[in-house]
Amino acid sequence: MKYIGSALVSLFVFVPMLLFAGDNTIRSVNIPSAVVVNHHTLKAGHYKVEWQQPGPNVEVNFLQHGKTMASAPGTLKVNDAQIKQDDIITNRNALMEIDFGHQKEAIVFPQKG
């Protein structure tokens, strides 16, 4: 009986820790032309975009071939509808927003004036 009680206590203590241990979110995105994000130029290409949940304010890492190419603060938002493909929104080559295809997630990047 003593062992069952210990096992139950362990479940209630460690399972929530395991659930929150892997809170990184990774999405793939194809950037069709060079963009500037947080003073870094990202060349056109395929990137993994990674951030720590839950948001809304997140630090976003852009990875290519396992190497971090740029990091930037962003705001995670939820769209009402899913879009079919990635949508990269820029203004004068500055990355403003990424809407992820087949997801309701989007990341908005602050613009410095």
N, C-alpha and C. Protein backbone atom coordinates (compact mmCIF):
# COMPACT_ATOMS: atom_id res chain seq x y z
N MET A 1 0.82 -1.19 0.00
CA MET A 1 0.00 0.00 0.00
C MET A 1 0.87 1.26 0.00
N LYS A 2 1.99 1.17 0.75
CA LYS A 2 2.91 2.31 0.83
C LYS A 2 3.47 2.64 -0.56
N TYR A 3 3.74 1.61 -1.37
CA TYR A 3 4.33 1.82 -2.70
C TYR A 3 3.31 2.42 -3.67
N ILE A 4 2.07 2.03 -3.52
CA ILE A 4 1.02 2.59 -4.38
C ILE A 4 0.84 4.07 -4.11
N GLY A 5 0.87 4.45 -2.85
CA GLY A 5 0.76 5.86 -2.49
C GLY A 5 1.91 6.67 -3.06
N SER A 6 3.12 6.13 -2.96
CA SER A 6 4.30 6.81 -3.52
C SER A 6 4.19 6.95 -5.02
N ALA A 7 3.70 5.90 -5.67
CA ALA A 7 3.54 5.94 -7.12
C ALA A 7 2.52 7.00 -7.53
N LEU A 8 1.43 7.11 -6.81
CA LEU A 8 0.42 8.12 -7.12
C LEU A 8 0.95 9.52 -6.91
N VAL A 9 1.68 9.73 -5.83
CA VAL A 9 2.27 11.05 -5.59
C VAL A 9 3.23 11.41 -6.72
N SER A 10 4.04 10.44 -7.14
CA SER A 10 4.98 10.68 -8.25
C SER A 10 4.24 11.06 -9.52
N LEU A 11 3.13 10.38 -9.80
CA LEU A 11 2.35 10.70 -10.99
C LEU A 11 1.86 12.14 -10.96
N PHE A 12 1.34 12.57 -9.83
CA PHE A 12 0.79 13.91 -9.72
C PHE A 12 1.87 14.99 -9.74
N VAL A 13 3.07 14.64 -9.35
CA VAL A 13 4.16 15.62 -9.32
C VAL A 13 4.90 15.66 -10.65
N PHE A 14 5.24 14.51 -11.22
CA PHE A 14 6.12 14.49 -12.38
C PHE A 14 5.41 14.56 -13.73
N VAL A 15 4.21 14.07 -13.84
CA VAL A 15 3.51 14.11 -15.13
C VAL A 15 3.29 15.55 -15.59
N PRO A 16 2.79 16.47 -14.75
CA PRO A 16 2.67 17.85 -15.22
C PRO A 16 4.00 18.46 -15.65
N MET A 17 5.08 18.10 -14.97
CA MET A 17 6.39 18.63 -15.36
C MET A 17 6.77 18.12 -16.74
N LEU A 18 6.49 16.87 -17.04
CA LEU A 18 6.80 16.31 -18.35
C LEU A 18 5.95 16.94 -19.44
N LEU A 19 4.70 17.25 -19.13
CA LEU A 19 3.83 17.86 -20.12
C LEU A 19 4.32 19.24 -20.53
N PHE A 20 4.91 19.98 -19.62
CA PHE A 20 5.36 21.33 -19.93
C PHE A 20 6.83 21.39 -20.31
N ALA A 21 7.54 20.30 -20.26
CA ALA A 21 8.97 20.30 -20.57
C ALA A 21 9.23 20.53 -22.05
N GLY A 22 8.38 20.05 -22.93
CA GLY A 22 8.60 20.17 -24.36
C GLY A 22 7.69 21.19 -24.98
N ASP A 23 7.68 22.41 -24.50
CA ASP A 23 6.76 23.42 -24.98
C ASP A 23 7.29 24.22 -26.16
N ASN A 24 8.36 23.79 -26.81
CA ASN A 24 8.82 24.46 -28.01
C ASN A 24 7.88 24.12 -29.15
N THR A 25 7.57 25.11 -29.94
CA THR A 25 6.78 24.89 -31.14
C THR A 25 7.69 25.14 -32.33
N ILE A 26 7.67 24.22 -33.28
CA ILE A 26 8.50 24.36 -34.48
C ILE A 26 7.59 24.24 -35.69
N ARG A 27 7.71 25.18 -36.60
CA ARG A 27 6.98 25.17 -37.86
C ARG A 27 8.00 25.35 -38.98
N SER A 28 7.69 24.84 -40.14
CA SER A 28 8.52 25.05 -41.32
C SER A 28 7.88 26.14 -42.17
N VAL A 29 8.73 26.93 -42.79
CA VAL A 29 8.22 28.00 -43.65
C VAL A 29 9.20 28.22 -44.81
N ASN A 30 8.65 28.53 -45.96
CA ASN A 30 9.46 28.87 -47.12
C ASN A 30 9.38 30.37 -47.31
N ILE A 31 10.51 31.04 -47.23
CA ILE A 31 10.56 32.49 -47.43
C ILE A 31 10.99 32.72 -48.88
N PRO A 32 10.09 33.28 -49.71
CA PRO A 32 10.35 33.35 -51.15
C PRO A 32 11.41 34.37 -51.58
N SER A 33 11.62 35.39 -50.80
CA SER A 33 12.65 36.39 -51.14
C SER A 33 13.26 36.92 -49.84
N ALA A 34 14.42 37.55 -49.96
CA ALA A 34 15.14 38.03 -48.78
C ALA A 34 14.27 38.98 -47.96
N VAL A 35 14.32 38.79 -46.62
CA VAL A 35 13.59 39.65 -45.70
C VAL A 35 14.52 40.04 -44.55
N VAL A 36 14.18 41.14 -43.92
CA VAL A 36 14.94 41.60 -42.74
C VAL A 36 14.07 41.39 -41.52
N VAL A 37 14.66 40.74 -40.52
CA VAL A 37 13.98 40.54 -39.25
C VAL A 37 14.97 40.84 -38.13
N ASN A 38 14.61 41.81 -37.29
CA ASN A 38 15.45 42.19 -36.15
C ASN A 38 16.89 42.48 -36.58
N HIS A 39 17.02 43.26 -37.65
CA HIS A 39 18.32 43.71 -38.19
C HIS A 39 19.14 42.60 -38.83
N HIS A 40 18.55 41.44 -39.06
CA HIS A 40 19.23 40.33 -39.74
C HIS A 40 18.52 40.07 -41.06
N THR A 41 19.30 39.90 -42.12
CA THR A 41 18.73 39.56 -43.42
C THR A 41 18.68 38.05 -43.57
N LEU A 42 17.50 37.55 -43.82
CA LEU A 42 17.32 36.13 -44.11
C LEU A 42 17.18 35.98 -45.61
N LYS A 43 18.04 35.18 -46.22
CA LYS A 43 17.95 34.94 -47.65
C LYS A 43 16.72 34.08 -47.94
N ALA A 44 16.29 34.12 -49.17
CA ALA A 44 15.17 33.26 -49.58
C ALA A 44 15.55 31.81 -49.31
N GLY A 45 14.59 31.03 -48.85
CA GLY A 45 14.86 29.62 -48.59
C GLY A 45 13.91 29.03 -47.58
N HIS A 46 14.18 27.80 -47.23
CA HIS A 46 13.36 27.03 -46.29
C HIS A 46 13.95 27.17 -44.89
N TYR A 47 13.10 27.52 -43.93
CA TYR A 47 13.52 27.73 -42.54
C TYR A 47 12.62 26.95 -41.60
N LYS A 48 13.18 26.59 -40.47
CA LYS A 48 12.39 26.12 -39.33
C LYS A 48 12.24 27.34 -38.42
N VAL A 49 11.02 27.59 -37.99
CA VAL A 49 10.71 28.71 -37.11
C VAL A 49 10.32 28.11 -35.78
N GLU A 50 11.02 28.51 -34.72
CA GLU A 50 10.85 27.89 -33.41
C GLU A 50 10.59 28.97 -32.37
N TRP A 51 9.65 28.68 -31.46
CA TRP A 51 9.40 29.57 -30.34
C TRP A 51 8.93 28.77 -29.14
N GLN A 52 9.01 29.38 -27.99
CA GLN A 52 8.61 28.77 -26.72
C GLN A 52 7.16 29.13 -26.46
N GLN A 53 6.32 28.13 -26.19
CA GLN A 53 4.92 28.37 -25.86
C GLN A 53 4.83 28.92 -24.45
N PRO A 54 3.80 29.52 -23.98
CA PRO A 54 2.51 29.61 -24.59
C PRO A 54 2.25 30.94 -25.30
N GLY A 55 3.07 31.96 -25.10
CA GLY A 55 2.82 33.24 -25.76
C GLY A 55 1.96 34.11 -24.86
N PRO A 56 1.46 35.23 -25.29
CA PRO A 56 1.53 35.69 -26.68
C PRO A 56 2.89 36.27 -27.07
N ASN A 57 3.67 36.76 -26.11
CA ASN A 57 4.99 37.31 -26.46
C ASN A 57 6.00 36.17 -26.48
N VAL A 58 6.68 36.01 -27.61
CA VAL A 58 7.60 34.89 -27.79
C VAL A 58 8.90 35.37 -28.41
N GLU A 59 9.95 34.61 -28.19
CA GLU A 59 11.24 34.83 -28.86
C GLU A 59 11.30 33.80 -29.98
N VAL A 60 11.43 34.27 -31.20
CA VAL A 60 11.36 33.41 -32.38
C VAL A 60 12.76 33.19 -32.93
N ASN A 61 13.11 31.94 -33.18
CA ASN A 61 14.39 31.59 -33.79
C ASN A 61 14.14 31.07 -35.20
N PHE A 62 14.94 31.55 -36.14
CA PHE A 62 14.90 31.09 -37.52
C PHE A 62 16.10 30.19 -37.73
N LEU A 63 15.85 28.90 -38.01
CA LEU A 63 16.93 27.92 -38.15
C LEU A 63 16.99 27.43 -39.60
N GLN A 64 18.22 27.25 -40.06
CA GLN A 64 18.43 26.67 -41.38
C GLN A 64 19.61 25.71 -41.27
N HIS A 65 19.40 24.46 -41.68
CA HIS A 65 20.42 23.42 -41.57
C HIS A 65 20.92 23.27 -40.14
N GLY A 66 20.01 23.42 -39.16
CA GLY A 66 20.34 23.25 -37.76
C GLY A 66 21.04 24.43 -37.11
N LYS A 67 21.24 25.50 -37.86
CA LYS A 67 21.94 26.68 -37.34
C LYS A 67 20.96 27.85 -37.21
N THR A 68 21.03 28.56 -36.08
CA THR A 68 20.18 29.74 -35.88
C THR A 68 20.69 30.87 -36.76
N MET A 69 19.85 31.32 -37.68
CA MET A 69 20.21 32.39 -38.60
C MET A 69 19.80 33.76 -38.07
N ALA A 70 18.74 33.80 -37.26
CA ALA A 70 18.28 35.06 -36.68
C ALA A 70 17.33 34.74 -35.54
N SER A 71 17.21 35.68 -34.61
CA SER A 71 16.23 35.61 -33.52
C SER A 71 15.53 36.95 -33.45
N ALA A 72 14.26 36.91 -33.07
CA ALA A 72 13.51 38.16 -33.00
C ALA A 72 12.34 37.99 -32.04
N PRO A 73 11.96 39.07 -31.37
CA PRO A 73 10.74 39.01 -30.55
C PRO A 73 9.53 39.03 -31.48
N GLY A 74 8.49 38.35 -31.06
CA GLY A 74 7.25 38.34 -31.84
C GLY A 74 6.06 38.15 -30.94
N THR A 75 4.90 38.31 -31.53
CA THR A 75 3.64 38.12 -30.81
C THR A 75 2.87 37.02 -31.51
N LEU A 76 2.54 35.99 -30.77
CA LEU A 76 1.78 34.87 -31.29
C LEU A 76 0.31 35.25 -31.31
N LYS A 77 -0.32 34.99 -32.44
CA LYS A 77 -1.76 35.26 -32.53
C LYS A 77 -2.43 34.06 -33.18
N VAL A 78 -3.73 33.98 -33.01
CA VAL A 78 -4.52 32.89 -33.58
C VAL A 78 -5.46 33.51 -34.60
N ASN A 79 -5.42 32.97 -35.83
CA ASN A 79 -6.32 33.41 -36.88
C ASN A 79 -7.65 32.68 -36.77
N ASP A 80 -8.69 33.28 -37.28
CA ASP A 80 -10.01 32.65 -37.25
C ASP A 80 -10.07 31.43 -38.16
N ALA A 81 -9.38 31.49 -39.28
CA ALA A 81 -9.44 30.39 -40.24
C ALA A 81 -8.04 29.97 -40.63
N GLN A 82 -7.92 28.71 -41.02
CA GLN A 82 -6.64 28.21 -41.50
C GLN A 82 -6.47 28.59 -42.97
N ILE A 83 -5.25 28.93 -43.34
CA ILE A 83 -4.96 29.20 -44.74
C ILE A 83 -4.29 27.97 -45.33
N LYS A 84 -4.31 27.85 -46.65
CA LYS A 84 -3.79 26.65 -47.30
C LYS A 84 -2.28 26.63 -47.41
N GLN A 85 -1.64 27.79 -47.50
CA GLN A 85 -0.18 27.83 -47.61
C GLN A 85 0.36 28.96 -46.76
N ASP A 86 1.66 28.92 -46.51
CA ASP A 86 2.29 29.96 -45.71
C ASP A 86 2.08 31.32 -46.36
N ASP A 87 1.90 32.32 -45.55
CA ASP A 87 1.76 33.69 -46.04
C ASP A 87 2.80 34.53 -45.31
N ILE A 88 3.72 35.08 -46.06
CA ILE A 88 4.78 35.93 -45.51
C ILE A 88 4.41 37.38 -45.83
N ILE A 89 4.21 38.19 -44.81
CA ILE A 89 3.82 39.58 -45.01
C ILE A 89 5.01 40.47 -44.70
N THR A 90 5.38 41.30 -45.67
CA THR A 90 6.52 42.19 -45.51
C THR A 90 6.12 43.62 -45.83
N ASN A 91 6.94 44.54 -45.40
CA ASN A 91 6.82 45.95 -45.75
C ASN A 91 8.23 46.46 -46.00
N ARG A 92 8.52 46.77 -47.25
CA ARG A 92 9.87 47.21 -47.64
C ARG A 92 10.92 46.20 -47.21
N ASN A 93 10.67 44.95 -47.47
CA ASN A 93 11.54 43.81 -47.15
C ASN A 93 11.66 43.51 -45.66
N ALA A 94 10.96 44.25 -44.81
CA ALA A 94 10.97 43.95 -43.37
C ALA A 94 9.87 42.94 -43.09
N LEU A 95 10.21 41.84 -42.42
CA LEU A 95 9.24 40.81 -42.09
C LEU A 95 8.28 41.34 -41.04
N MET A 96 7.00 41.34 -41.38
CA MET A 96 5.98 41.83 -40.45
C MET A 96 5.19 40.70 -39.81
N GLU A 97 4.91 39.64 -40.60
CA GLU A 97 4.05 38.57 -40.09
C GLU A 97 4.26 37.30 -40.89
N ILE A 98 4.13 36.18 -40.20
CA ILE A 98 4.09 34.87 -40.84
C ILE A 98 2.79 34.20 -40.43
N ASP A 99 1.97 33.88 -41.42
CA ASP A 99 0.78 33.07 -41.20
C ASP A 99 1.12 31.67 -41.70
N PHE A 100 1.07 30.70 -40.82
CA PHE A 100 1.49 29.35 -41.16
C PHE A 100 0.36 28.59 -41.86
N GLY A 101 0.69 28.00 -43.01
CA GLY A 101 -0.27 27.22 -43.77
C GLY A 101 -0.76 26.02 -42.98
N HIS A 102 -2.05 25.73 -43.09
CA HIS A 102 -2.70 24.60 -42.43
C HIS A 102 -2.65 24.71 -40.90
N GLN A 103 -2.44 25.91 -40.40
CA GLN A 103 -2.43 26.17 -38.96
C GLN A 103 -3.26 27.42 -38.72
N LYS A 104 -3.68 27.61 -37.50
CA LYS A 104 -4.36 28.86 -37.14
C LYS A 104 -3.39 29.85 -36.51
N GLU A 105 -2.12 29.43 -36.37
CA GLU A 105 -1.13 30.28 -35.71
C GLU A 105 -0.51 31.27 -36.69
N ALA A 106 -0.17 32.41 -36.15
CA ALA A 106 0.58 33.42 -36.90
C ALA A 106 1.49 34.12 -35.90
N ILE A 107 2.60 34.65 -36.40
CA ILE A 107 3.50 35.44 -35.57
C ILE A 107 3.65 36.80 -36.19
N VAL A 108 3.44 37.83 -35.38
CA VAL A 108 3.58 39.21 -35.81
C VAL A 108 4.87 39.75 -35.21
N PHE A 109 5.67 40.41 -36.05
CA PHE A 109 6.94 40.96 -35.61
C PHE A 109 6.84 42.46 -35.47
N PRO A 110 7.33 43.02 -34.35
CA PRO A 110 7.23 44.47 -34.14
C PRO A 110 8.08 45.23 -35.16
N GLN A 111 7.57 46.35 -35.57
CA GLN A 111 8.30 47.20 -36.52
C GLN A 111 8.87 48.39 -35.76
N LYS A 112 10.13 48.58 -35.92
CA LYS A 112 10.78 49.71 -35.24
C LYS A 112 10.67 50.92 -36.14
N GLY A 113 10.27 52.04 -35.57
CA GLY A 113 10.04 53.23 -36.37
C GLY A 113 11.19 54.11 -36.53
